């Protein structure tokens, strides 16, 4: 996913993060300067749905305008295959084995 906040804001005549922060504050979303800077200049690791709703309301957009899917890259496909355990190409996940602890015992699943 690509975070597209700056482009969406620019299309609506908002060129500075401080202007967007002020508009969000007027709509009831008080955001620190640091958080606003991170949303404006980077890709957030997470965002609250309530915050996303206010941002979309202020900018007159939908979440799909802000979160743009990107095509898969080779490194992404390899990472997904490795995590899924389908590196052998079977895709069934049957070759995934539990990781043994140093004492030879299996760890317990989360409660």
PDB file of N, CA and C in Angstrom:
ATOM      1  N   UNK A   1       0.829  -1.186   0.000  1.00  0.00           N
ATOM      2  CA  UNK A   1       0.000   0.000   0.000  1.00  0.00           C
ATOM      3  C   UNK A   1       0.872   1.246   0.000  1.00  0.00           C
ATOM      4  N   UNK A   2       0.394   2.250  -0.693  1.00  0.00           N
ATOM      5  CA  UNK A   2       1.074   3.533  -0.720  1.00  0.00           C
ATOM      6  C   UNK A   2       0.157   4.566  -0.080  1.00  0.00           C
ATOM      7  N   UNK A   3       0.698   5.353   0.829  1.00  0.00           N
ATOM      8  CA  UNK A   3      -0.029   6.413   1.522  1.00  0.00           C
ATOM      9  C   UNK A   3      -0.003   7.640   0.629  1.00  0.00           C
ATOM     10  N   UNK A   4      -1.165   8.150   0.261  1.00  0.00           N
ATOM     11  CA  UNK A   4      -1.286   9.175  -0.758  1.00  0.00           C
ATOM     12  C   UNK A   4      -1.843  10.490  -0.207  1.00  0.00           C
ATOM     13  N   UNK A   5      -1.610  10.795   1.061  1.00  0.00           N
ATOM     14  CA  UNK A   5      -2.204  11.961   1.706  1.00  0.00           C
ATOM     15  C   UNK A   5      -1.796  13.267   1.030  1.00  0.00           C
ATOM     16  N   UNK A   6      -0.527  13.447   0.756  1.00  0.00           N
ATOM     17  CA  UNK A   6      -0.061  14.730   0.194  1.00  0.00           C
ATOM     18  C   UNK A   6      -0.678  15.007  -1.169  1.00  0.00           C
ATOM     19  N   UNK A   7      -0.795  13.980  -1.996  1.00  0.00           N
ATOM     20  CA  UNK A   7      -1.360  14.175  -3.332  1.00  0.00           C
ATOM     21  C   UNK A   7      -2.852  14.512  -3.235  1.00  0.00           C
ATOM     22  N   UNK A   8      -3.568  13.788  -2.393  1.00  0.00           N
ATOM     23  CA  UNK A   8      -5.001  14.043  -2.225  1.00  0.00           C
ATOM     24  C   UNK A   8      -5.210  15.447  -1.669  1.00  0.00           C
ATOM     25  N   UNK A   9      -4.406  15.835  -0.695  1.00  0.00           N
ATOM     26  CA  UNK A   9      -4.522  17.176  -0.120  1.00  0.00           C
ATOM     27  C   UNK A   9      -4.208  18.244  -1.173  1.00  0.00           C
ATOM     28  N   UNK A  10      -3.173  18.037  -1.965  1.00  0.00           N
ATOM     29  CA  UNK A  10      -2.791  19.010  -2.991  1.00  0.00           C
ATOM     30  C   UNK A  10      -3.897  19.168  -4.036  1.00  0.00           C
ATOM     31  N   UNK A  11      -4.558  18.062  -4.387  1.00  0.00           N
ATOM     32  CA  UNK A  11      -5.659  18.127  -5.346  1.00  0.00           C
ATOM     33  C   UNK A  11      -6.818  18.977  -4.826  1.00  0.00           C
ATOM     34  N   UNK A  12      -6.873  19.145  -3.504  1.00  0.00           N
ATOM     35  CA  UNK A  12      -7.936  19.923  -2.875  1.00  0.00           C
ATOM     36  C   UNK A  12      -7.445  21.284  -2.381  1.00  0.00           C
ATOM     37  N   UNK A  13      -6.244  21.670  -2.819  1.00  0.00           N
ATOM     38  CA  UNK A  13      -5.727  22.981  -2.506  1.00  0.00           C
ATOM     39  C   UNK A  13      -5.063  23.114  -1.149  1.00  0.00           C
ATOM     40  N   UNK A  14      -4.770  22.003  -0.495  1.00  0.00           N
ATOM     41  CA  UNK A  14      -4.073  22.025   0.796  1.00  0.00           C
ATOM     42  C   UNK A  14      -2.622  21.684   0.520  1.00  0.00           C
ATOM     43  N   UNK A  15      -1.737  22.677   0.704  1.00  0.00           N
ATOM     44  CA  UNK A  15      -0.340  22.502   0.342  1.00  0.00           C
ATOM     45  C   UNK A  15       0.579  22.347   1.540  1.00  0.00           C
ATOM     46  N   UNK A  16       0.096  22.671   2.731  1.00  0.00           N
ATOM     47  CA  UNK A  16       0.937  22.601   3.933  1.00  0.00           C
ATOM     48  C   UNK A  16       0.282  21.708   4.974  1.00  0.00           C
ATOM     49  N   UNK A  17       1.124  20.973   5.684  1.00  0.00           N
ATOM     50  CA  UNK A  17       0.607  20.089   6.734  1.00  0.00           C
ATOM     51  C   UNK A  17      -0.055  20.891   7.850  1.00  0.00           C
ATOM     52  N   UNK A  18       0.443  22.101   8.090  1.00  0.00           N
ATOM     53  CA  UNK A  18      -0.159  22.929   9.145  1.00  0.00           C
ATOM     54  C   UNK A  18      -1.583  23.334   8.785  1.00  0.00           C
ATOM     55  N   UNK A  19      -1.840  23.569   7.503  1.00  0.00           N
ATOM     56  CA  UNK A  19      -3.205  23.901   7.075  1.00  0.00           C
ATOM     57  C   UNK A  19      -4.133  22.716   7.266  1.00  0.00           C
ATOM     58  N   UNK A  20      -3.654  21.521   6.937  1.00  0.00           N
ATOM     59  CA  UNK A  20      -4.468  20.322   7.127  1.00  0.00           C
ATOM     60  C   UNK A  20      -4.679  20.055   8.609  1.00  0.00           C
ATOM     61  N   UNK A  21      -3.642  20.235   9.393  1.00  0.00           N
ATOM     62  CA  UNK A  21      -3.749  20.025  10.840  1.00  0.00           C
ATOM     63  C   UNK A  21      -4.794  20.969  11.441  1.00  0.00           C
ATOM     64  N   UNK A  22      -4.797  22.212  10.996  1.00  0.00           N
ATOM     65  CA  UNK A  22      -5.776  23.195  11.483  1.00  0.00           C
ATOM     66  C   UNK A  22      -7.196  22.765  11.091  1.00  0.00           C
ATOM     67  N   UNK A  23      -7.370  22.310   9.850  1.00  0.00           N
ATOM     68  CA  UNK A  23      -8.689  21.866   9.376  1.00  0.00           C
ATOM     69  C   UNK A  23      -9.152  20.628  10.142  1.00  0.00           C
ATOM     70  N   UNK A  24      -8.227  19.722  10.425  1.00  0.00           N
ATOM     71  CA  UNK A  24      -8.574  18.530  11.204  1.00  0.00           C
ATOM     72  C   UNK A  24      -8.971  18.926  12.619  1.00  0.00           C
ATOM     73  N   UNK A  25      -8.268  19.895  13.203  1.00  0.00           N
ATOM     74  CA  UNK A  25      -8.608  20.382  14.529  1.00  0.00           C
ATOM     75  C   UNK A  25      -9.993  20.995  14.553  1.00  0.00           C
ATOM     76  N   UNK A  26     -10.336  21.748  13.517  1.00  0.00           N
ATOM     77  CA  UNK A  26     -11.675  22.339  13.418  1.00  0.00           C
ATOM     78  C   UNK A  26     -12.751  21.269  13.316  1.00  0.00           C
ATOM     79  N   UNK A  27     -12.390  20.114  12.759  1.00  0.00           N
ATOM     80  CA  UNK A  27     -13.336  19.002  12.617  1.00  0.00           C
ATOM     81  C   UNK A  27     -13.357  18.103  13.849  1.00  0.00           C
ATOM     82  N   UNK A  28     -12.543  18.440  14.864  1.00  0.00           N
ATOM     83  CA  UNK A  28     -12.566  17.678  16.107  1.00  0.00           C
ATOM     84  C   UNK A  28     -11.430  16.700  16.298  1.00  0.00           C
ATOM     85  N   UNK A  29     -10.488  16.671  15.382  1.00  0.00           N
ATOM     86  CA  UNK A  29      -9.347  15.761  15.501  1.00  0.00           C
ATOM     87  C   UNK A  29      -8.108  16.568  15.850  1.00  0.00           C
ATOM     88  N   UNK A  30      -7.781  16.621  17.132  1.00  0.00           N
ATOM     89  CA  UNK A  30      -6.577  17.310  17.571  1.00  0.00           C
ATOM     90  C   UNK A  30      -5.396  16.372  17.421  1.00  0.00           C
ATOM     91  N   UNK A  31      -4.424  16.790  16.639  1.00  0.00           N
ATOM     92  CA  UNK A  31      -3.282  15.944  16.325  1.00  0.00           C
ATOM     93  C   UNK A  31      -2.004  16.701  16.667  1.00  0.00           C
ATOM     94  N   UNK A  32      -1.054  15.992  17.254  1.00  0.00           N
ATOM     95  CA  UNK A  32       0.226  16.630  17.573  1.00  0.00           C
ATOM     96  C   UNK A  32       0.962  16.973  16.280  1.00  0.00           C
ATOM     97  N   UNK A  33       1.869  17.916  16.378  1.00  0.00           N
ATOM     98  CA  UNK A  33       2.658  18.316  15.213  1.00  0.00           C
ATOM     99  C   UNK A  33       3.503  17.148  14.702  1.00  0.00           C
ATOM    100  N   UNK A  34       4.016  16.340  15.621  1.00  0.00           N
ATOM    101  CA  UNK A  34       4.832  15.189  15.232  1.00  0.00           C
ATOM    102  C   UNK A  34       4.038  14.151  14.469  1.00  0.00           C
ATOM    103  N   UNK A  35       2.839  13.852  14.959  1.00  0.00           N
ATOM    104  CA  UNK A  35       2.002  12.865  14.271  1.00  0.00           C
ATOM    105  C   UNK A  35       1.579  13.386  12.900  1.00  0.00           C
ATOM    106  N   UNK A  36       1.239  14.664  12.838  1.00  0.00           N
ATOM    107  CA  UNK A  36       0.851  15.252  11.557  1.00  0.00           C
ATOM    108  C   UNK A  36       2.012  15.219  10.581  1.00  0.00           C
ATOM    109  N   UNK A  37       3.202  15.508  11.067  1.00  0.00           N
ATOM    110  CA  UNK A  37       4.384  15.469  10.217  1.00  0.00           C
ATOM    111  C   UNK A  37       4.620  14.073   9.670  1.00  0.00           C
ATOM    112  N   UNK A  38       4.428  13.073  10.516  1.00  0.00           N
ATOM    113  CA  UNK A  38       4.625  11.689  10.067  1.00  0.00           C
ATOM    114  C   UNK A  38       3.580  11.298   9.023  1.00  0.00           C
ATOM    115  N   UNK A  39       2.330  11.678   9.240  1.00  0.00           N
ATOM    116  CA  UNK A  39       1.290  11.369   8.264  1.00  0.00           C
ATOM    117  C   UNK A  39       1.536  12.097   6.947  1.00  0.00           C
ATOM    118  N   UNK A  40       2.045  13.315   7.040  1.00  0.00           N
ATOM    119  CA  UNK A  40       2.254  14.145   5.860  1.00  0.00           C
ATOM    120  C   UNK A  40       3.466  13.688   5.045  1.00  0.00           C
ATOM    121  N   UNK A  41       4.533  13.315   5.726  1.00  0.00           N
ATOM    122  CA  UNK A  41       5.786  13.051   5.011  1.00  0.00           C
ATOM    123  C   UNK A  41       6.143  11.586   4.875  1.00  0.00           C
ATOM    124  N   UNK A  42       5.451  10.713   5.567  1.00  0.00           N
ATOM    125  CA  UNK A  42       5.804   9.300   5.494  1.00  0.00           C
ATOM    126  C   UNK A  42       4.589   8.426   5.302  1.00  0.00           C
ATOM    127  N   UNK A  43       4.793   7.141   5.497  1.00  0.00           N
ATOM    128  CA  UNK A  43       3.705   6.175   5.434  1.00  0.00           C
ATOM    129  C   UNK A  43       3.450   5.677   6.847  1.00  0.00           C
ATOM    130  N   UNK A  44       2.257   5.906   7.372  1.00  0.00           N
ATOM    131  CA  UNK A  44       1.989   5.471   8.739  1.00  0.00           C
ATOM    132  C   UNK A  44       1.958   3.951   8.839  1.00  0.00           C
ATOM    133  N   UNK A  45       2.462   3.439   9.942  1.00  0.00           N
ATOM    134  CA  UNK A  45       2.404   2.002  10.186  1.00  0.00           C
ATOM    135  C   UNK A  45       0.967   1.598  10.487  1.00  0.00           C
ATOM    136  N   UNK A  46       0.292   2.467  11.223  1.00  0.00           N
ATOM    137  CA  UNK A  46      -1.116   2.237  11.517  1.00  0.00           C
ATOM    138  C   UNK A  46      -1.818   3.580  11.618  1.00  0.00           C
ATOM    139  N   UNK A  47      -3.122   3.546  11.441  1.00  0.00           N
ATOM    140  CA  UNK A  47      -3.934   4.744  11.591  1.00  0.00           C
ATOM    141  C   UNK A  47      -5.293   4.308  12.126  1.00  0.00           C
ATOM    142  N   UNK A  48      -5.784   5.053  13.092  1.00  0.00           N
ATOM    143  CA  UNK A  48      -7.089   4.731  13.667  1.00  0.00           C
ATOM    144  C   UNK A  48      -8.170   4.999  12.633  1.00  0.00           C
ATOM    145  N   UNK A  49      -9.177   4.141  12.600  1.00  0.00           N
ATOM    146  CA  UNK A  49     -10.257   4.318  11.634  1.00  0.00           C
ATOM    147  C   UNK A  49     -11.013   5.610  11.881  1.00  0.00           C
ATOM    148  N   UNK A  50     -11.158   6.003  13.146  1.00  0.00           N
ATOM    149  CA  UNK A  50     -11.812   7.276  13.452  1.00  0.00           C
ATOM    150  C   UNK A  50     -11.032   8.443  12.862  1.00  0.00           C
ATOM    151  N   UNK A  51      -9.699   8.390  12.964  1.00  0.00           N
ATOM    152  CA  UNK A  51      -8.856   9.443  12.402  1.00  0.00           C
ATOM    153  C   UNK A  51      -8.967   9.459  10.875  1.00  0.00           C
ATOM    154  N   UNK A  52      -8.952   8.276  10.277  1.00  0.00           N
ATOM    155  CA  UNK A  52      -9.073   8.167   8.824  1.00  0.00           C
ATOM    156  C   UNK A  52     -10.408   8.735   8.363  1.00  0.00           C
ATOM    157  N   UNK A  53     -11.455   8.488   9.129  1.00  0.00           N
ATOM    158  CA  UNK A  53     -12.785   9.006   8.796  1.00  0.00           C
ATOM    159  C   UNK A  53     -12.797  10.530   8.797  1.00  0.00           C
ATOM    160  N   UNK A  54     -12.166  11.138   9.798  1.00  0.00           N
ATOM    161  CA  UNK A  54     -12.116  12.602   9.876  1.00  0.00           C
ATOM    162  C   UNK A  54     -11.269  13.170   8.741  1.00  0.00           C
ATOM    163  N   UNK A  55     -10.130  12.550   8.460  1.00  0.00           N
ATOM    164  CA  UNK A  55      -9.271  13.010   7.364  1.00  0.00           C
ATOM    165  C   UNK A  55     -10.046  12.976   6.047  1.00  0.00           C
ATOM    166  N   UNK A  56     -10.757  11.879   5.804  1.00  0.00           N
ATOM    167  CA  UNK A  56     -11.541  11.761   4.572  1.00  0.00           C
ATOM    168  C   UNK A  56     -12.659  12.800   4.527  1.00  0.00           C
ATOM    169  N   UNK A  57     -13.278  13.045   5.656  1.00  0.00           N
ATOM    170  CA  UNK A  57     -14.340  14.042   5.726  1.00  0.00           C
ATOM    171  C   UNK A  57     -13.805  15.433   5.404  1.00  0.00           C
ATOM    172  N   UNK A  58     -12.677  15.796   5.993  1.00  0.00           N
ATOM    173  CA  UNK A  58     -12.085  17.118   5.768  1.00  0.00           C
ATOM    174  C   UNK A  58     -11.639  17.283   4.319  1.00  0.00           C
ATOM    175  N   UNK A  59     -11.049  16.243   3.751  1.00  0.00           N
ATOM    176  CA  UNK A  59     -10.529  16.334   2.383  1.00  0.00           C
ATOM    177  C   UNK A  59     -11.579  16.000   1.322  1.00  0.00           C
ATOM    178  N   UNK A  60     -12.735  15.508   1.742  1.00  0.00           N
ATOM    179  CA  UNK A  60     -13.773  15.151   0.784  1.00  0.00           C
ATOM    180  C   UNK A  60     -13.361  13.992  -0.101  1.00  0.00           C
ATOM    181  N   UNK A  61     -12.791  12.972   0.524  1.00  0.00           N
ATOM    182  CA  UNK A  61     -12.323  11.816  -0.237  1.00  0.00           C
ATOM    183  C   UNK A  61     -12.796  10.538   0.448  1.00  0.00           C
ATOM    184  N   UNK A  62     -12.403   9.416  -0.097  1.00  0.00           N
ATOM    185  CA  UNK A  62     -12.691   8.107   0.488  1.00  0.00           C
ATOM    186  C   UNK A  62     -11.357   7.456   0.851  1.00  0.00           C
ATOM    187  N   UNK A  63     -11.368   6.467   1.760  1.00  0.00           N
ATOM    188  CA  UNK A  63     -10.112   5.820   2.154  1.00  0.00           C
ATOM    189  C   UNK A  63      -9.305   5.275   0.968  1.00  0.00           C
ATOM    190  N   UNK A  64      -9.985   4.843  -0.073  1.00  0.00           N
ATOM    191  CA  UNK A  64      -9.297   4.324  -1.250  1.00  0.00           C
ATOM    192  C   UNK A  64      -8.465   5.370  -1.977  1.00  0.00           C
ATOM    193  N   UNK A  65      -8.788   6.651  -1.755  1.00  0.00           N
ATOM    194  CA  UNK A  65      -7.967   7.716  -2.341  1.00  0.00           C
ATOM    195  C   UNK A  65      -6.649   7.862  -1.586  1.00  0.00           C
ATOM    196  N   UNK A  66      -6.689   7.605  -0.283  1.00  0.00           N
ATOM    197  CA  UNK A  66      -5.499   7.759   0.559  1.00  0.00           C
ATOM    198  C   UNK A  66      -4.623   6.517   0.589  1.00  0.00           C
ATOM    199  N   UNK A  67      -5.232   5.352   0.462  1.00  0.00           N
ATOM    200  CA  UNK A  67      -4.511   4.075   0.501  1.00  0.00           C
ATOM    201  C   UNK A  67      -4.562   3.449  -0.889  1.00  0.00           C
ATOM    202  N   UNK A  68      -3.471   3.559  -1.606  1.00  0.00           N
ATOM    203  CA  UNK A  68      -3.425   3.095  -2.990  1.00  0.00           C
ATOM    204  C   UNK A  68      -2.636   1.794  -3.054  1.00  0.00           C
ATOM    205  N   UNK A  69      -3.241   0.717  -3.572  1.00  0.00           N
ATOM    206  CA  UNK A  69      -2.489  -0.541  -3.679  1.00  0.00           C
ATOM    207  C   UNK A  69      -1.371  -0.412  -4.698  1.00  0.00           C
ATOM    208  N   UNK A  70      -0.267  -1.068  -4.388  1.00  0.00           N
ATOM    209  CA  UNK A  70       0.868  -1.085  -5.307  1.00  0.00           C
ATOM    210  C   UNK A  70       1.048  -2.506  -5.826  1.00  0.00           C
ATOM    211  N   UNK A  71       1.578  -2.638  -7.034  1.00  0.00           N
ATOM    212  CA  UNK A  71       1.802  -3.982  -7.559  1.00  0.00           C
ATOM    213  C   UNK A  71       2.836  -4.722  -6.717  1.00  0.00           C
ATOM    214  N   UNK A  72       2.677  -6.029  -6.675  1.00  0.00           N
ATOM    215  CA  UNK A  72       3.623  -6.850  -5.921  1.00  0.00           C
ATOM    216  C   UNK A  72       4.990  -6.815  -6.587  1.00  0.00           C
ATOM    217  N   UNK A  73       6.021  -6.798  -5.748  1.00  0.00           N
ATOM    218  CA  UNK A  73       7.382  -6.880  -6.258  1.00  0.00           C
ATOM    219  C   UNK A  73       7.895  -8.284  -5.996  1.00  0.00           C
ATOM    220  N   UNK A  74       8.981  -8.630  -6.612  1.00  0.00           N
ATOM    221  CA  UNK A  74       9.548  -9.969  -6.439  1.00  0.00           C
ATOM    222  C   UNK A  74       9.930 -10.222  -4.986  1.00  0.00           C
ATOM    223  N   UNK A  75      10.495  -9.222  -4.315  1.00  0.00           N
ATOM    224  CA  UNK A  75      10.911  -9.411  -2.927  1.00  0.00           C
ATOM    225  C   UNK A  75       9.701  -9.610  -2.026  1.00  0.00           C
ATOM    226  N   UNK A  76       8.562  -8.958  -2.333  1.00  0.00           N
ATOM    227  CA  UNK A  76       7.345  -9.149  -1.550  1.00  0.00           C
ATOM    228  C   UNK A  76       6.834 -10.566  -1.728  1.00  0.00           C
ATOM    229  N   UNK A  77       6.839 -11.072  -2.953  1.00  0.00           N
ATOM    230  CA  UNK A  77       6.356 -12.425  -3.211  1.00  0.00           C
ATOM    231  C   UNK A  77       7.226 -13.456  -2.512  1.00  0.00           C
ATOM    232  N   UNK A  78       8.538 -13.261  -2.508  1.00  0.00           N
ATOM    233  CA  UNK A  78       9.447 -14.194  -1.851  1.00  0.00           C
ATOM    234  C   UNK A  78       9.195 -14.183  -0.350  1.00  0.00           C
ATOM    235  N   UNK A  79       9.014 -12.995   0.237  1.00  0.00           N
ATOM    236  CA  UNK A  79       8.773 -12.894   1.672  1.00  0.00           C
ATOM    237  C   UNK A  79       7.471 -13.569   2.050  1.00  0.00           C
ATOM    238  N   UNK A  80       6.423 -13.384   1.260  1.00  0.00           N
ATOM    239  CA  UNK A  80       5.144 -14.013   1.550  1.00  0.00           C
ATOM    240  C   UNK A  80       5.265 -15.519   1.419  1.00  0.00           C
ATOM    241  N   UNK A  81       5.964 -15.993   0.396  1.00  0.00           N
ATOM    242  CA  UNK A  81       6.130 -17.430   0.205  1.00  0.00           C
ATOM    243  C   UNK A  81       6.912 -18.042   1.358  1.00  0.00           C
ATOM    244  N   UNK A  82       7.924 -17.350   1.842  1.00  0.00           N
ATOM    245  CA  UNK A  82       8.728 -17.862   2.941  1.00  0.00           C
ATOM    246  C   UNK A  82       7.913 -17.933   4.228  1.00  0.00           C
ATOM    247  N   UNK A  83       7.158 -16.887   4.506  1.00  0.00           N
ATOM    248  CA  UNK A  83       6.333 -16.863   5.710  1.00  0.00           C
ATOM    249  C   UNK A  83       5.247 -17.919   5.632  1.00  0.00           C
ATOM    250  N   UNK A  84       4.661 -18.088   4.459  1.00  0.00           N
ATOM    251  CA  UNK A  84       3.579 -19.049   4.303  1.00  0.00           C
ATOM    252  C   UNK A  84       4.085 -20.485   4.281  1.00  0.00           C
ATOM    253  N   UNK A  85       5.378 -20.662   4.119  1.00  0.00           N
ATOM    254  CA  UNK A  85       5.929 -22.013   4.089  1.00  0.00           C
ATOM    255  C   UNK A  85       5.769 -22.685   2.745  1.00  0.00           C
ATOM    256  N   UNK A  86       5.506 -21.919   1.720  1.00  0.00           N
ATOM    257  CA  UNK A  86       5.301 -22.518   0.408  1.00  0.00           C
ATOM    258  C   UNK A  86       6.511 -22.317  -0.488  1.00  0.00           C
ATOM    259  N   UNK A  87       7.675 -22.201   0.092  1.00  0.00           N
ATOM    260  CA  UNK A  87       8.901 -21.993  -0.670  1.00  0.00           C
ATOM    261  C   UNK A  87       9.209 -23.135  -1.616  1.00  0.00           C
ATOM    262  N   UNK A  88       8.693 -24.349  -1.338  1.00  0.00           N
ATOM    263  CA  UNK A  88       8.961 -25.482  -2.210  1.00  0.00           C
ATOM    264  C   UNK A  88       8.051 -25.491  -3.424  1.00  0.00           C
ATOM    265  N   UNK A  89       7.076 -24.568  -3.444  1.00  0.00           N
ATOM    266  CA  UNK A  89       6.199 -24.495  -4.596  1.00  0.00           C
ATOM    267  C   UNK A  89       4.938 -25.303  -4.430  1.00  0.00           C
ATOM    268  N   UNK A  90       4.794 -26.083  -3.366  1.00  0.00           N
ATOM    269  CA  UNK A  90       3.595 -26.891  -3.203  1.00  0.00           C
ATOM    270  C   UNK A  90       2.397 -26.039  -2.881  1.00  0.00           C
ATOM    271  N   UNK A  91       2.598 -24.952  -2.117  1.00  0.00           N
ATOM    272  CA  UNK A  91       1.516 -24.051  -1.789  1.00  0.00           C
ATOM    273  C   UNK A  91       0.561 -24.583  -0.750  1.00  0.00           C
ATOM    274  N   UNK A  92       0.737 -25.837  -0.334  1.00  0.00           N
ATOM    275  CA  UNK A  92      -0.204 -26.418   0.615  1.00  0.00           C
ATOM    276  C   UNK A  92       0.122 -26.071   2.046  1.00  0.00           C
ATOM    277  N   UNK A  93       1.351 -25.663   2.318  1.00  0.00           N
ATOM    278  CA  UNK A  93       1.736 -25.337   3.675  1.00  0.00           C
ATOM    279  C   UNK A  93       2.030 -26.572   4.512  1.00  0.00           C
ATOM    280  N   UNK A  94       1.993 -27.779   3.893  1.00  0.00           N
ATOM    281  CA  UNK A  94       2.211 -29.009   4.652  1.00  0.00           C
ATOM    282  C   UNK A  94       3.670 -29.199   5.042  1.00  0.00           C
ATOM    283  N   UNK A  95       4.582 -28.459   4.414  1.00  0.00           N
ATOM    284  CA  UNK A  95       5.990 -28.595   4.743  1.00  0.00           C
ATOM    285  C   UNK A  95       6.399 -27.681   5.897  1.00  0.00           C
ATOM    286  N   UNK A  96       5.445 -26.968   6.496  1.00  0.00           N
ATOM    287  CA  UNK A  96       5.738 -26.099   7.626  1.00  0.00           C
ATOM    288  C   UNK A  96       5.804 -26.946   8.884  1.00  0.00           C
ATOM    289  N   UNK A  97       6.893 -26.828   9.606  1.00  0.00           N
ATOM    290  CA  UNK A  97       7.072 -27.607  10.829  1.00  0.00           C
ATOM    291  C   UNK A  97       7.203 -26.669  12.002  1.00  0.00           C
ATOM    292  N   UNK A  98       6.739 -27.090  13.181  1.00  0.00           N
ATOM    293  CA  UNK A  98       6.902 -26.217  14.347  1.00  0.00           C
ATOM    294  C   UNK A  98       8.373 -26.067  14.700  1.00  0.00           C
ATOM    295  N   UNK A  99       8.710 -24.912  15.192  1.00  0.00           N
ATOM    296  CA  UNK A  99      10.086 -24.648  15.598  1.00  0.00           C
ATOM    297  C   UNK A  99      10.292 -25.258  16.975  1.00  0.00           C
ATOM    298  N   UNK A 100      11.338 -26.051  17.128  1.00  0.00           N
ATOM    299  CA  UNK A 100      11.640 -26.693  18.403  1.00  0.00           C
ATOM    300  C   UNK A 100      12.424 -25.750  19.295  1.00  0.00           C
ATOM    301  N   UNK A 101      12.129 -25.826  20.572  1.00  0.00           N
ATOM    302  CA  UNK A 101      12.902 -25.058  21.538  1.00  0.00           C
ATOM    303  C   UNK A 101      14.232 -25.756  21.754  1.00  0.00           C
ATOM    304  N   UNK A 102      15.157 -25.075  22.431  1.00  0.00           N
ATOM    305  CA  UNK A 102      16.484 -25.644  22.657  1.00  0.00           C
ATOM    306  C   UNK A 102      16.425 -26.920  23.471  1.00  0.00           C
ATOM    307  N   UNK A 103      15.425 -27.028  24.358  1.00  0.00           N
ATOM    308  CA  UNK A 103      15.326 -28.235  25.185  1.00  0.00           C
ATOM    309  C   UNK A 103      14.607 -29.370  24.460  1.00  0.00           C
ATOM    310  N   UNK A 104      14.247 -29.157  23.181  1.00  0.00           N
ATOM    311  CA  UNK A 104      13.633 -30.217  22.394  1.00  0.00           C
ATOM    312  C   UNK A 104      12.122 -30.284  22.514  1.00  0.00           C
ATOM    313  N   UNK A 105      11.521 -29.490  23.372  1.00  0.00           N
ATOM    314  CA  UNK A 105      10.078 -29.496  23.564  1.00  0.00           C
ATOM    315  C   UNK A 105       9.418 -28.451  22.676  1.00  0.00           C
ATOM    316  N   UNK A 106       8.178 -28.715  22.340  1.00  0.00           N
ATOM    317  CA  UNK A 106       7.413 -27.721  21.598  1.00  0.00           C
ATOM    318  C   UNK A 106       6.868 -26.681  22.555  1.00  0.00           C
ATOM    319  N   UNK A 107       6.781 -25.453  22.091  1.00  0.00           N
ATOM    320  CA  UNK A 107       6.193 -24.425  22.944  1.00  0.00           C
ATOM    321  C   UNK A 107       4.677 -24.542  22.863  1.00  0.00           C
ATOM    322  N   UNK A 108       4.015 -24.046  23.888  1.00  0.00           N
ATOM    323  CA  UNK A 108       2.567 -24.078  23.951  1.00  0.00           C
ATOM    324  C   UNK A 108       1.975 -22.959  23.111  1.00  0.00           C
ATOM    325  N   UNK A 109       0.800 -23.182  22.518  1.00  0.00           N
ATOM    326  CA  UNK A 109       0.161 -22.122  21.751  1.00  0.00           C
ATOM    327  C   UNK A 109      -0.299 -21.001  22.690  1.00  0.00           C
ATOM    328  N   UNK A 110      -0.541 -19.826  22.149  1.00  0.00           N
ATOM    329  CA  UNK A 110      -0.991 -18.728  23.007  1.00  0.00           C
ATOM    330  C   UNK A 110      -2.339 -19.056  23.631  1.00  0.00           C
ATOM    331  N   UNK A 111      -2.540 -18.545  24.827  1.00  0.00           N
ATOM    332  CA  UNK A 111      -3.792 -18.840  25.545  1.00  0.00           C
ATOM    333  C   UNK A 111      -4.931 -18.034  25.020  1.00  0.00           C
TER     334      UNK A 111
END
